[in-house]
C-alpha cells in the first residue's frame, strides 16, 4: 500500500527531522539481557522480552537498530512494545559496542556486520526453542539484515521473513550523498556521535590508537581512518565495496519487504529503484518505494498528532506473518 504524505509534510528533511524530534517516550516492557560472545574477545547484548503466555512455536522477532542507535532507539523501542503486547517474543540487539553493550567490545559495529547478527539470532533462536524468527532492520541495521539473508549461513536460522526500512545498500553512494550541502547536517550529527563514542571507548581500552579524530571531519573521513582499518579493510572504498548489498539482494530466498522513500536525505535509493526494474514479480524480495517519507519518517497526522506509519506497517506485516505461522501448525 502506497503511503500518501500530508501536504505540509511532503519534504524529506521535514519528515526525517519530525520523526527524530517527536519520537515520544519509549514504552516499558519486561526485559532480560543475554550476552553473546563474538569469538574474538568482544561480546554484544540481546534484550529479550517474552510476554506472559508465550510458548515455543510462537513467533519471535529480532529488531536491529541503525547508526549511532541502540535497543533504546525510539522507533525500535516503540515497535518492540507493540509486538510484545501482541504476543511476540522480541529481541532487541545492541550491535557490537552499542548501547548497554558498549563496555563489552573493543571493536565497533558497521554497515556489514552480518556475522555478529548471525550469532545474536542463533542465541535468540536457542532461547526460543527454534520458534519461527522474524527479522526487522532499520537504516544501517536494514543493510545488515539484507547481507545476512544473502549469505548461506542464514539457512541455519529458523527464519520466516524479514522487513527492513531505508537500507543503505550502496554505502559509498550514501556517504557521497551526505557530502552534499543538503546532507551535511546529518553527516555532522553522525560524526559527532561516532567521535564521542570512539574517545569514550579509548578511555575503557587505552591500547586503542589515538586517531586524533575531530567532530568537523566527514563520515567518509571517519570511515577512512577508523571504521575501515579497525575492521580489517584497506580503506573506506574497500569497506564500502565489501558491504554493498545491491548485487546480493537477488540471491535472497527468504521473503523480505524493503521499504524506501524517494526523498530520503540520508540514503541514496537509486540502486533500489534500478533493482526494482530487474527483479521478477514473484521474487522473494518486495521493494516498496514511497514518493515521500524521508529517512525513517513516513510521518502522518491524526487526532493524536504526528505519528510514524512505519510502526503500523511493521505491526501489520508481523501480524500477517504470525497468522501464517499459526495456519501451518
C-alpha atoms as a PDB file:
ATOM      1  CA  UNK A   1       0.000   0.000   0.000  1.00  0.00           C
ATOM      2  CA  UNK A   2       1.409   3.385  -1.000  1.00  0.00           C
ATOM      3  CA  UNK A   3       1.804   5.992   1.722  1.00  0.00           C
ATOM      4  CA  UNK A   4       0.254   9.391   0.936  1.00  0.00           C
ATOM      5  CA  UNK A   5       2.014  12.119   2.868  1.00  0.00           C
ATOM      6  CA  UNK A   6       0.060  15.111   4.193  1.00  0.00           C
ATOM      7  CA  UNK A   7       0.832  18.139   2.024  1.00  0.00           C
ATOM      8  CA  UNK A   8       2.659  20.016   4.794  1.00  0.00           C
ATOM      9  CA  UNK A   9       4.959  17.012   5.302  1.00  0.00           C
ATOM     10  CA  UNK A  10       5.945  16.471   1.684  1.00  0.00           C
ATOM     11  CA  UNK A  11       9.598  17.220   2.270  1.00  0.00           C
ATOM     12  CA  UNK A  12      12.231  14.627   3.082  1.00  0.00           C
ATOM     13  CA  UNK A  13      14.033  16.814   5.620  1.00  0.00           C
ATOM     14  CA  UNK A  14      10.780  17.684   7.407  1.00  0.00           C
ATOM     15  CA  UNK A  15       9.818  14.013   7.560  1.00  0.00           C
ATOM     16  CA  UNK A  16      13.231  12.960   8.861  1.00  0.00           C
ATOM     17  CA  UNK A  17      13.557  15.696  11.477  1.00  0.00           C
ATOM     18  CA  UNK A  18       9.976  15.365  12.728  1.00  0.00           C
ATOM     19  CA  UNK A  19      10.438  11.619  13.165  1.00  0.00           C
ATOM     20  CA  UNK A  20      13.559  12.343  15.223  1.00  0.00           C
ATOM     21  CA  UNK A  21      12.226  15.248  17.283  1.00  0.00           C
ATOM     22  CA  UNK A  22       8.778  13.818  18.015  1.00  0.00           C
ATOM     23  CA  UNK A  23       9.830  10.275  18.831  1.00  0.00           C
ATOM     24  CA  UNK A  24       7.913  10.161  22.117  1.00  0.00           C
ATOM     25  CA  UNK A  25       8.670   8.168  25.275  1.00  0.00           C
ATOM     26  CA  UNK A  26       9.736   4.554  24.934  1.00  0.00           C
ATOM     27  CA  UNK A  27       7.218   2.054  26.310  1.00  0.00           C
ATOM     28  CA  UNK A  28       8.350  -0.229  29.123  1.00  0.00           C
ATOM     29  CA  UNK A  29       8.477  -3.946  28.505  1.00  0.00           C
ATOM     30  CA  UNK A  30       9.961  -6.533  30.916  1.00  0.00           C
ATOM     31  CA  UNK A  31      13.371  -7.445  29.555  1.00  0.00           C
ATOM     32  CA  UNK A  32      16.238  -9.837  30.232  1.00  0.00           C
ATOM     33  CA  UNK A  33      19.730  -9.239  28.890  1.00  0.00           C
ATOM     34  CA  UNK A  34      21.696 -12.005  27.213  1.00  0.00           C
ATOM     35  CA  UNK A  35      25.392 -11.697  26.483  1.00  0.00           C
ATOM     36  CA  UNK A  36      26.508 -13.065  23.110  1.00  0.00           C
ATOM     37  CA  UNK A  37      30.219 -13.812  22.757  1.00  0.00           C
ATOM     38  CA  UNK A  38      31.546 -12.965  19.297  1.00  0.00           C
ATOM     39  CA  UNK A  39      34.580 -15.250  19.256  1.00  0.00           C
ATOM     40  CA  UNK A  40      37.263 -12.556  19.224  1.00  0.00           C
ATOM     41  CA  UNK A  41      37.131 -11.301  22.795  1.00  0.00           C
ATOM     42  CA  UNK A  42      34.204  -8.953  22.156  1.00  0.00           C
ATOM     43  CA  UNK A  43      30.575  -9.500  23.072  1.00  0.00           C
ATOM     44  CA  UNK A  44      27.212  -7.856  22.444  1.00  0.00           C
ATOM     45  CA  UNK A  45      23.849  -7.847  24.184  1.00  0.00           C
ATOM     46  CA  UNK A  46      20.403  -9.033  23.156  1.00  0.00           C
ATOM     47  CA  UNK A  47      17.498  -7.569  25.130  1.00  0.00           C
ATOM     48  CA  UNK A  48      14.859 -10.293  25.305  1.00  0.00           C
ATOM     49  CA  UNK A  49      11.189  -9.647  26.127  1.00  0.00           C
ATOM     50  CA  UNK A  50       8.945 -12.717  26.313  1.00  0.00           C
ATOM     51  CA  UNK A  51       5.287 -11.960  27.114  1.00  0.00           C
ATOM     52  CA  UNK A  52       3.263 -13.977  29.594  1.00  0.00           C
ATOM     53  CA  UNK A  53       1.792 -16.948  27.788  1.00  0.00           C
ATOM     54  CA  UNK A  54       4.443 -17.048  25.058  1.00  0.00           C
ATOM     55  CA  UNK A  55       5.477 -20.645  24.304  1.00  0.00           C
ATOM     56  CA  UNK A  56       7.893 -22.397  21.935  1.00  0.00           C
ATOM     57  CA  UNK A  57       6.468 -22.307  18.453  1.00  0.00           C
ATOM     58  CA  UNK A  58       5.040 -18.809  18.875  1.00  0.00           C
ATOM     59  CA  UNK A  59       6.749 -16.161  16.725  1.00  0.00           C
ATOM     60  CA  UNK A  60       9.893 -14.324  17.760  1.00  0.00           C
ATOM     61  CA  UNK A  61      11.178 -11.057  16.286  1.00  0.00           C
ATOM     62  CA  UNK A  62      14.690  -9.599  16.294  1.00  0.00           C
ATOM     63  CA  UNK A  63      14.975  -5.817  15.879  1.00  0.00           C
ATOM     64  CA  UNK A  64      18.187  -4.243  14.536  1.00  0.00           C
ATOM     65  CA  UNK A  65      18.920  -0.545  15.061  1.00  0.00           C
ATOM     66  CA  UNK A  66      20.695   1.986  12.852  1.00  0.00           C
ATOM     67  CA  UNK A  67      23.877   4.083  13.019  1.00  0.00           C
ATOM     68  CA  UNK A  68      24.504   5.632  16.481  1.00  0.00           C
ATOM     69  CA  UNK A  69      21.396   3.787  17.734  1.00  0.00           C
ATOM     70  CA  UNK A  70      20.745   1.026  20.258  1.00  0.00           C
ATOM     71  CA  UNK A  71      17.946  -1.102  21.711  1.00  0.00           C
ATOM     72  CA  UNK A  72      16.660   2.160  23.222  1.00  0.00           C
ATOM     73  CA  UNK A  73      16.264   3.951  19.872  1.00  0.00           C
ATOM     74  CA  UNK A  74      12.712   5.356  19.952  1.00  0.00           C
ATOM     75  CA  UNK A  75      11.387   3.547  16.883  1.00  0.00           C
ATOM     76  CA  UNK A  76      12.981   0.248  17.927  1.00  0.00           C
ATOM     77  CA  UNK A  77      11.523   0.596  21.427  1.00  0.00           C
ATOM     78  CA  UNK A  78       8.056   1.538  20.141  1.00  0.00           C
ATOM     79  CA  UNK A  79       7.893  -1.378  17.716  1.00  0.00           C
ATOM     80  CA  UNK A  80       9.173  -3.755  20.406  1.00  0.00           C
ATOM     81  CA  UNK A  81       6.435  -2.628  22.780  1.00  0.00           C
ATOM     82  CA  UNK A  82       3.684  -3.052  20.188  1.00  0.00           C
ATOM     83  CA  UNK A  83       4.907  -6.506  19.150  1.00  0.00           C
ATOM     84  CA  UNK A  84       5.231  -7.564  22.793  1.00  0.00           C
ATOM     85  CA  UNK A  85       1.638  -6.546  23.504  1.00  0.00           C
ATOM     86  CA  UNK A  86       0.548  -8.708  20.567  1.00  0.00           C
ATOM     87  CA  UNK A  87       2.209 -11.800  21.970  1.00  0.00           C
ATOM     88  CA  UNK A  88       5.550 -11.747  20.138  1.00  0.00           C
ATOM     89  CA  UNK A  89       8.760 -12.597  21.895  1.00  0.00           C
ATOM     90  CA  UNK A  90      11.005  -9.652  20.976  1.00  0.00           C
ATOM     91  CA  UNK A  91      14.786  -9.436  20.878  1.00  0.00           C
ATOM     92  CA  UNK A  92      16.457  -6.048  20.517  1.00  0.00           C
ATOM     93  CA  UNK A  93      20.114  -6.225  19.648  1.00  0.00           C
ATOM     94  CA  UNK A  94      22.731  -3.763  20.793  1.00  0.00           C
ATOM     95  CA  UNK A  95      25.143  -4.139  17.907  1.00  0.00           C
ATOM     96  CA  UNK A  96      28.817  -4.615  18.795  1.00  0.00           C
ATOM     97  CA  UNK A  97      29.898  -1.757  21.049  1.00  0.00           C
ATOM     98  CA  UNK A  98      26.489  -0.050  21.053  1.00  0.00           C
ATOM     99  CA  UNK A  99      24.074   0.777  23.857  1.00  0.00           C
ATOM    100  CA  UNK A 100      24.374  -1.242  27.053  1.00  0.00           C
ATOM    101  CA  UNK A 101      26.989  -3.432  25.348  1.00  0.00           C
ATOM    102  CA  UNK A 102      29.398  -0.521  24.933  1.00  0.00           C
ATOM    103  CA  UNK A 103      31.956  -1.762  27.507  1.00  0.00           C
ATOM    104  CA  UNK A 104      31.930  -5.295  26.087  1.00  0.00           C
ATOM    105  CA  UNK A 105      33.667  -4.550  22.777  1.00  0.00           C
ATOM    106  CA  UNK A 106      36.970  -3.044  21.675  1.00  0.00           C
ATOM    107  CA  UNK A 107      35.823  -3.036  18.065  1.00  0.00           C
ATOM    108  CA  UNK A 108      32.699  -1.398  16.655  1.00  0.00           C
ATOM    109  CA  UNK A 109      29.709  -2.419  14.597  1.00  0.00           C
ATOM    110  CA  UNK A 110      29.461  -1.309  10.985  1.00  0.00           C
ATOM    111  CA  UNK A 111      27.159  -1.457   7.971  1.00  0.00           C
ATOM    112  CA  UNK A 112      28.055  -5.056   7.115  1.00  0.00           C
ATOM    113  CA  UNK A 113      28.349  -6.829  10.483  1.00  0.00           C
ATOM    114  CA  UNK A 114      26.174  -9.761   9.428  1.00  0.00           C
ATOM    115  CA  UNK A 115      28.413 -12.223  11.293  1.00  0.00           C
ATOM    116  CA  UNK A 116      27.531 -10.569  14.599  1.00  0.00           C
ATOM    117  CA  UNK A 117      23.828 -10.549  13.751  1.00  0.00           C
ATOM    118  CA  UNK A 118      24.005 -14.249  12.869  1.00  0.00           C
ATOM    119  CA  UNK A 119      25.406 -15.064  16.320  1.00  0.00           C
ATOM    120  CA  UNK A 120      22.792 -12.899  18.041  1.00  0.00           C
ATOM    121  CA  UNK A 121      19.968 -14.558  16.080  1.00  0.00           C
ATOM    122  CA  UNK A 122      21.302 -18.015  16.933  1.00  0.00           C
ATOM    123  CA  UNK A 123      21.314 -17.041  20.598  1.00  0.00           C
ATOM    124  CA  UNK A 124      17.712 -15.830  20.478  1.00  0.00           C
ATOM    125  CA  UNK A 125      16.650 -18.892  18.455  1.00  0.00           C
ATOM    126  CA  UNK A 126      18.200 -21.185  21.073  1.00  0.00           C
ATOM    127  CA  UNK A 127      16.370 -19.338  23.843  1.00  0.00           C
ATOM    128  CA  UNK A 128      13.145 -19.606  21.827  1.00  0.00           C
ATOM    129  CA  UNK A 129      13.471 -23.339  21.114  1.00  0.00           C
ATOM    130  CA  UNK A 130      13.710 -22.725  17.375  1.00  0.00           C
ATOM    131  CA  UNK A 131      10.474 -20.722  17.092  1.00  0.00           C
ATOM    132  CA  UNK A 132       9.909 -19.011  13.719  1.00  0.00           C
ATOM    133  CA  UNK A 133      12.081 -15.896  13.589  1.00  0.00           C
ATOM    134  CA  UNK A 134      11.212 -12.548  12.023  1.00  0.00           C
ATOM    135  CA  UNK A 135      13.958 -10.007  11.328  1.00  0.00           C
ATOM    136  CA  UNK A 136      13.284  -6.263  11.349  1.00  0.00           C
ATOM    137  CA  UNK A 137      16.040  -3.799  10.446  1.00  0.00           C
ATOM    138  CA  UNK A 138      16.154  -0.011  10.275  1.00  0.00           C
ATOM    139  CA  UNK A 139      18.648   2.038   8.227  1.00  0.00           C
ATOM    140  CA  UNK A 140      22.171   0.624   8.819  1.00  0.00           C
ATOM    141  CA  UNK A 141      20.550  -2.340  10.562  1.00  0.00           C
ATOM    142  CA  UNK A 142      18.442  -2.921   7.455  1.00  0.00           C
ATOM    143  CA  UNK A 143      21.545  -3.396   5.321  1.00  0.00           C
ATOM    144  CA  UNK A 144      22.997  -5.824   7.860  1.00  0.00           C
ATOM    145  CA  UNK A 145      19.781  -7.853   7.700  1.00  0.00           C
ATOM    146  CA  UNK A 146      19.872  -7.958   3.888  1.00  0.00           C
ATOM    147  CA  UNK A 147      23.521  -9.010   3.886  1.00  0.00           C
ATOM    148  CA  UNK A 148      22.825 -11.832   6.348  1.00  0.00           C
ATOM    149  CA  UNK A 149      19.854 -13.088   4.313  1.00  0.00           C
ATOM    150  CA  UNK A 150      22.024 -13.255   1.188  1.00  0.00           C
ATOM    151  CA  UNK A 151      24.672 -15.368   2.924  1.00  0.00           C
ATOM    152  CA  UNK A 152      24.433 -19.174   3.135  1.00  0.00           C
ATOM    153  CA  UNK A 153      24.819 -19.142   6.932  1.00  0.00           C
ATOM    154  CA  UNK A 154      21.329 -17.674   7.240  1.00  0.00           C
ATOM    155  CA  UNK A 155      19.974 -21.126   6.331  1.00  0.00           C
ATOM    156  CA  UNK A 156      20.993 -22.290   9.822  1.00  0.00           C
ATOM    157  CA  UNK A 157      18.373 -19.956  11.368  1.00  0.00           C
ATOM    158  CA  UNK A 158      14.620 -20.610  11.681  1.00  0.00           C
ATOM    159  CA  UNK A 159      13.924 -17.527   9.551  1.00  0.00           C
ATOM    160  CA  UNK A 160      10.348 -16.918   8.487  1.00  0.00           C
ATOM    161  CA  UNK A 161      10.580 -13.477   6.855  1.00  0.00           C
ATOM    162  CA  UNK A 162      12.148 -10.012   7.182  1.00  0.00           C
ATOM    163  CA  UNK A 163      11.065  -6.382   6.970  1.00  0.00           C
ATOM    164  CA  UNK A 164      13.544  -3.538   6.517  1.00  0.00           C
ATOM    165  CA  UNK A 165      13.342   0.221   6.046  1.00  0.00           C
ATOM    166  CA  UNK A 166      15.732   2.695   4.401  1.00  0.00           C
ATOM    167  CA  UNK A 167      18.688   0.322   3.855  1.00  0.00           C
ATOM    168  CA  UNK A 168      21.972   1.911   2.663  1.00  0.00           C
ATOM    169  CA  UNK A 169      22.501  -0.874   0.123  1.00  0.00           C
ATOM    170  CA  UNK A 170      25.336   1.065  -1.545  1.00  0.00           C
ATOM    171  CA  UNK A 171      27.275   2.691   1.327  1.00  0.00           C
ATOM    172  CA  UNK A 172      29.620   4.636  -0.976  1.00  0.00           C
ATOM    173  CA  UNK A 173      26.707   6.364  -2.692  1.00  0.00           C
ATOM    174  CA  UNK A 174      25.078   7.129   0.642  1.00  0.00           C
ATOM    175  CA  UNK A 175      28.249   8.681   2.052  1.00  0.00           C
ATOM    176  CA  UNK A 176      28.597  10.747  -1.130  1.00  0.00           C
ATOM    177  CA  UNK A 177      25.027  11.988  -0.622  1.00  0.00           C
ATOM    178  CA  UNK A 178      25.933  13.090   2.891  1.00  0.00           C
ATOM    179  CA  UNK A 179      28.757  15.219   1.468  1.00  0.00           C
ATOM    180  CA  UNK A 180      26.303  17.414  -0.410  1.00  0.00           C
ATOM    181  CA  UNK A 181      25.063  20.654   1.070  1.00  0.00           C
ATOM    182  CA  UNK A 182      21.677  19.099   1.806  1.00  0.00           C
ATOM    183  CA  UNK A 183      23.221  16.101   3.557  1.00  0.00           C
ATOM    184  CA  UNK A 184      25.861  17.844   5.628  1.00  0.00           C
ATOM    185  CA  UNK A 185      23.550  18.320   8.638  1.00  0.00           C
ATOM    186  CA  UNK A 186      23.120  14.558   9.014  1.00  0.00           C
ATOM    187  CA  UNK A 187      26.796  13.916   8.306  1.00  0.00           C
ATOM    188  CA  UNK A 188      27.832  16.210  11.160  1.00  0.00           C
ATOM    189  CA  UNK A 189      25.425  14.597  13.603  1.00  0.00           C
ATOM    190  CA  UNK A 190      26.646  11.096  12.772  1.00  0.00           C
ATOM    191  CA  UNK A 191      30.307  12.051  13.033  1.00  0.00           C
ATOM    192  CA  UNK A 192      29.893  13.980  16.277  1.00  0.00           C
ATOM    193  CA  UNK A 193      28.297  10.932  17.902  1.00  0.00           C
ATOM    194  CA  UNK A 194      30.858   8.487  16.457  1.00  0.00           C
ATOM    195  CA  UNK A 195      33.858  10.578  17.526  1.00  0.00           C
ATOM    196  CA  UNK A 196      32.477  10.948  21.050  1.00  0.00           C
ATOM    197  CA  UNK A 197      31.858   7.205  21.155  1.00  0.00           C
ATOM    198  CA  UNK A 198      35.383   6.337  19.999  1.00  0.00           C
ATOM    199  CA  UNK A 199      37.011   8.628  22.548  1.00  0.00           C
ATOM    200  CA  UNK A 200      34.911   7.059  25.310  1.00  0.00           C
ATOM    201  CA  UNK A 201      35.968   3.615  24.081  1.00  0.00           C
ATOM    202  CA  UNK A 202      39.636   4.643  24.289  1.00  0.00           C
ATOM    203  CA  UNK A 203      39.130   5.505  27.958  1.00  0.00           C
ATOM    204  CA  UNK A 204      37.944   1.934  28.539  1.00  0.00           C
ATOM    205  CA  UNK A 205      40.587   0.396  26.277  1.00  0.00           C
ATOM    206  CA  UNK A 206      43.717   2.614  26.366  1.00  0.00           C
ATOM    207  CA  UNK A 207      45.509   0.299  23.940  1.00  0.00           C
ATOM    208  CA  UNK A 208      43.298   1.563  21.095  1.00  0.00           C
ATOM    209  CA  UNK A 209      45.152   4.032  18.857  1.00  0.00           C
ATOM    210  CA  UNK A 210      44.736   7.763  19.282  1.00  0.00           C
ATOM    211  CA  UNK A 211      43.411   8.720  15.852  1.00  0.00           C
ATOM    212  CA  UNK A 212      43.102  12.471  16.528  1.00  0.00           C
ATOM    213  CA  UNK A 213      39.503  12.441  15.398  1.00  0.00           C
ATOM    214  CA  UNK A 214      37.623  15.697  15.009  1.00  0.00           C
ATOM    215  CA  UNK A 215      33.863  16.336  15.025  1.00  0.00           C
ATOM    216  CA  UNK A 216      34.393  18.522  11.937  1.00  0.00           C
ATOM    217  CA  UNK A 217      35.535  15.584   9.797  1.00  0.00           C
ATOM    218  CA  UNK A 218      33.153  13.873   7.373  1.00  0.00           C
ATOM    219  CA  UNK A 219      31.700  10.388   7.760  1.00  0.00           C
ATOM    220  CA  UNK A 220      33.901   9.259   4.901  1.00  0.00           C
ATOM    221  CA  UNK A 221      36.954  10.642   6.742  1.00  0.00           C
ATOM    222  CA  UNK A 222      35.895   8.750   9.878  1.00  0.00           C
ATOM    223  CA  UNK A 223      35.461   5.517   7.927  1.00  0.00           C
ATOM    224  CA  UNK A 224      38.852   6.010   6.270  1.00  0.00           C
ATOM    225  CA  UNK A 225      40.836   6.479   9.475  1.00  0.00           C
ATOM    226  CA  UNK A 226      38.726   4.488  11.944  1.00  0.00           C
ATOM    227  CA  UNK A 227      35.954   2.143  10.746  1.00  0.00           C
ATOM    228  CA  UNK A 228      37.855   0.567   7.849  1.00  0.00           C
ATOM    229  CA  UNK A 229      41.235  -0.180   9.488  1.00  0.00           C
ATOM    230  CA  UNK A 230      39.635  -1.208  12.798  1.00  0.00           C
ATOM    231  CA  UNK A 231      37.678  -3.899  10.964  1.00  0.00           C
ATOM    232  CA  UNK A 232      40.359  -5.226   8.627  1.00  0.00           C
ATOM    233  CA  UNK A 233      39.568  -3.218   5.476  1.00  0.00           C
ATOM    234  CA  UNK A 234      42.278  -1.496   3.434  1.00  0.00           C
ATOM    235  CA  UNK A 235      40.452   1.821   3.279  1.00  0.00           C
ATOM    236  CA  UNK A 236      36.979   3.341   3.101  1.00  0.00           C
ATOM    237  CA  UNK A 237      36.446   2.286  -0.514  1.00  0.00           C
ATOM    238  CA  UNK A 238      37.266  -1.329   0.332  1.00  0.00           C
ATOM    239  CA  UNK A 239      34.898  -1.176   3.322  1.00  0.00           C
ATOM    240  CA  UNK A 240      32.027   0.228   1.247  1.00  0.00           C
ATOM    241  CA  UNK A 241      32.519  -2.199  -1.626  1.00  0.00           C
ATOM    242  CA  UNK A 242      32.678  -5.238   0.672  1.00  0.00           C
ATOM    243  CA  UNK A 243      29.388  -4.298   2.330  1.00  0.00           C
ATOM    244  CA  UNK A 244      27.346  -3.220  -0.683  1.00  0.00           C
ATOM    245  CA  UNK A 245      24.313  -5.478  -0.877  1.00  0.00           C
ATOM    246  CA  UNK A 246      22.765  -4.333  -4.169  1.00  0.00           C
ATOM    247  CA  UNK A 247      24.238  -7.261  -6.086  1.00  0.00           C
ATOM    248  CA  UNK A 248      23.451  -9.685  -3.243  1.00  0.00           C
ATOM    249  CA  UNK A 249      19.732  -8.980  -2.909  1.00  0.00           C
ATOM    250  CA  UNK A 250      18.668 -11.026  -5.983  1.00  0.00           C
ATOM    251  CA  UNK A 251      20.067 -14.166  -4.313  1.00  0.00           C
ATOM    252  CA  UNK A 252      17.836 -13.800  -1.232  1.00  0.00           C
ATOM    253  CA  UNK A 253      15.191 -16.521  -0.981  1.00  0.00           C
ATOM    254  CA  UNK A 254      13.667 -15.561   2.390  1.00  0.00           C
ATOM    255  CA  UNK A 255      10.577 -13.349   1.943  1.00  0.00           C
ATOM    256  CA  UNK A 256      11.626  -9.729   2.543  1.00  0.00           C
ATOM    257  CA  UNK A 257       9.782  -6.430   2.360  1.00  0.00           C
ATOM    258  CA  UNK A 258      12.092  -3.479   1.668  1.00  0.00           C
ATOM    259  CA  UNK A 259      10.643  -0.005   2.275  1.00  0.00           C
ATOM    260  CA  UNK A 260      12.352   3.144   0.998  1.00  0.00           C
ATOM    261  CA  UNK A 261      11.455   6.748   0.132  1.00  0.00           C
ATOM    262  CA  UNK A 262      12.375   8.817  -2.904  1.00  0.00           C
ATOM    263  CA  UNK A 263      13.050  11.901  -0.786  1.00  0.00           C
ATOM    264  CA  UNK A 264      15.311  10.171   1.769  1.00  0.00           C
ATOM    265  CA  UNK A 265      18.015  12.789   2.565  1.00  0.00           C
ATOM    266  CA  UNK A 266      20.396  10.210   4.065  1.00  0.00           C
ATOM    267  CA  UNK A 267      20.211   7.110   1.842  1.00  0.00           C
ATOM    268  CA  UNK A 268      20.670   7.147  -1.945  1.00  0.00           C
ATOM    269  CA  UNK A 269      17.900   4.835  -3.126  1.00  0.00           C
ATOM    270  CA  UNK A 270      18.866   4.910  -6.816  1.00  0.00           C
ATOM    271  CA  UNK A 271      20.211   1.320  -6.584  1.00  0.00           C
ATOM    272  CA  UNK A 272      16.864   0.162  -5.168  1.00  0.00           C
ATOM    273  CA  UNK A 273      14.928   1.866  -7.964  1.00  0.00           C
ATOM    274  CA  UNK A 274      17.159   0.159 -10.534  1.00  0.00           C
ATOM    275  CA  UNK A 275      16.860  -3.176  -8.732  1.00  0.00           C
ATOM    276  CA  UNK A 276      13.065  -2.956  -8.724  1.00  0.00           C
ATOM    277  CA  UNK A 277      13.148  -2.860 -12.507  1.00  0.00           C
ATOM    278  CA  UNK A 278      15.237  -6.041 -12.675  1.00  0.00           C
ATOM    279  CA  UNK A 279      13.636  -8.289 -10.059  1.00  0.00           C
ATOM    280  CA  UNK A 280      10.865 -10.593 -11.311  1.00  0.00           C
ATOM    281  CA  UNK A 281       7.384 -10.000  -9.906  1.00  0.00           C
ATOM    282  CA  UNK A 282       7.431 -13.284  -7.963  1.00  0.00           C
ATOM    283  CA  UNK A 283      10.806 -12.664  -6.312  1.00  0.00           C
ATOM    284  CA  UNK A 284      11.070 -13.151  -2.551  1.00  0.00           C
ATOM    285  CA  UNK A 285      12.221  -9.536  -2.144  1.00  0.00           C
ATOM    286  CA  UNK A 286       9.423  -6.969  -2.448  1.00  0.00           C
ATOM    287  CA  UNK A 287      10.562  -3.379  -2.936  1.00  0.00           C
ATOM    288  CA  UNK A 288       8.112  -0.690  -1.785  1.00  0.00           C
ATOM    289  CA  UNK A 289       9.291   2.811  -2.706  1.00  0.00           C
ATOM    290  CA  UNK A 290       7.204   5.739  -1.485  1.00  0.00           C
ATOM    291  CA  UNK A 291       7.381   9.169  -3.072  1.00  0.00           C
ATOM    292  CA  UNK A 292       7.600  10.948   0.289  1.00  0.00           C
ATOM    293  CA  UNK A 293       8.634   9.886   3.772  1.00  0.00           C
ATOM    294  CA  UNK A 294      12.247  10.949   4.301  1.00  0.00           C
ATOM    295  CA  UNK A 295      14.595   8.754   6.315  1.00  0.00           C
ATOM    296  CA  UNK A 296      12.621   6.582   8.760  1.00  0.00           C
ATOM    297  CA  UNK A 297       9.831   9.146   8.672  1.00  0.00           C
ATOM    298  CA  UNK A 298       6.614   8.276   6.858  1.00  0.00           C
ATOM    299  CA  UNK A 299       5.001  10.703   9.302  1.00  0.00           C
ATOM    300  CA  UNK A 300       1.277  11.244   9.303  1.00  0.00           C
ATOM    301  CA  UNK A 301      -1.232  13.497  11.048  1.00  0.00           C
ATOM    302  CA  UNK A 302      -4.192  12.190  13.014  1.00  0.00           C
ATOM    303  CA  UNK A 303      -6.251  13.245  16.002  1.00  0.00           C
ATOM    304  CA  UNK A 304      -3.442  12.231  18.330  1.00  0.00           C
ATOM    305  CA  UNK A 305      -0.897  14.371  16.492  1.00  0.00           C
ATOM    306  CA  UNK A 306       2.094  13.217  14.451  1.00  0.00           C
ATOM    307  CA  UNK A 307       2.919   9.522  14.222  1.00  0.00           C
ATOM    308  CA  UNK A 308       5.091   7.329  12.041  1.00  0.00           C
ATOM    309  CA  UNK A 309       3.420   4.917   9.647  1.00  0.00           C
ATOM    310  CA  UNK A 310       6.483   2.667   9.924  1.00  0.00           C
ATOM    311  CA  UNK A 311       5.207   1.335  13.247  1.00  0.00           C
ATOM    312  CA  UNK A 312       1.839   0.495  11.695  1.00  0.00           C
ATOM    313  CA  UNK A 313       3.436  -1.160   8.657  1.00  0.00           C
ATOM    314  CA  UNK A 314       5.707  -3.366  10.769  1.00  0.00           C
ATOM    315  CA  UNK A 315       2.906  -4.445  13.118  1.00  0.00           C
ATOM    316  CA  UNK A 316       0.562  -5.232  10.221  1.00  0.00           C
ATOM    317  CA  UNK A 317       3.283  -7.220   8.456  1.00  0.00           C
ATOM    318  CA  UNK A 318       4.296  -9.104  11.618  1.00  0.00           C
ATOM    319  CA  UNK A 319       0.669  -9.925  12.434  1.00  0.00           C
ATOM    320  CA  UNK A 320       0.220 -11.360   8.935  1.00  0.00           C
ATOM    321  CA  UNK A 321       3.342 -13.476   9.415  1.00  0.00           C
ATOM    322  CA  UNK A 322       2.070 -14.739  12.776  1.00  0.00           C
ATOM    323  CA  UNK A 323      -1.197 -15.761  11.123  1.00  0.00           C
ATOM    324  CA  UNK A 324       0.767 -17.722   8.515  1.00  0.00           C
ATOM    325  CA  UNK A 325       2.726 -19.441  11.285  1.00  0.00           C
ATOM    326  CA  UNK A 326      -0.469 -20.383  13.098  1.00  0.00           C
ATOM    327  CA  UNK A 327      -2.075 -21.725   9.895  1.00  0.00           C
ATOM    328  CA  UNK A 328       0.663 -24.310   9.339  1.00  0.00           C
ATOM    329  CA  UNK A 329       0.738 -25.695  12.875  1.00  0.00           C
END
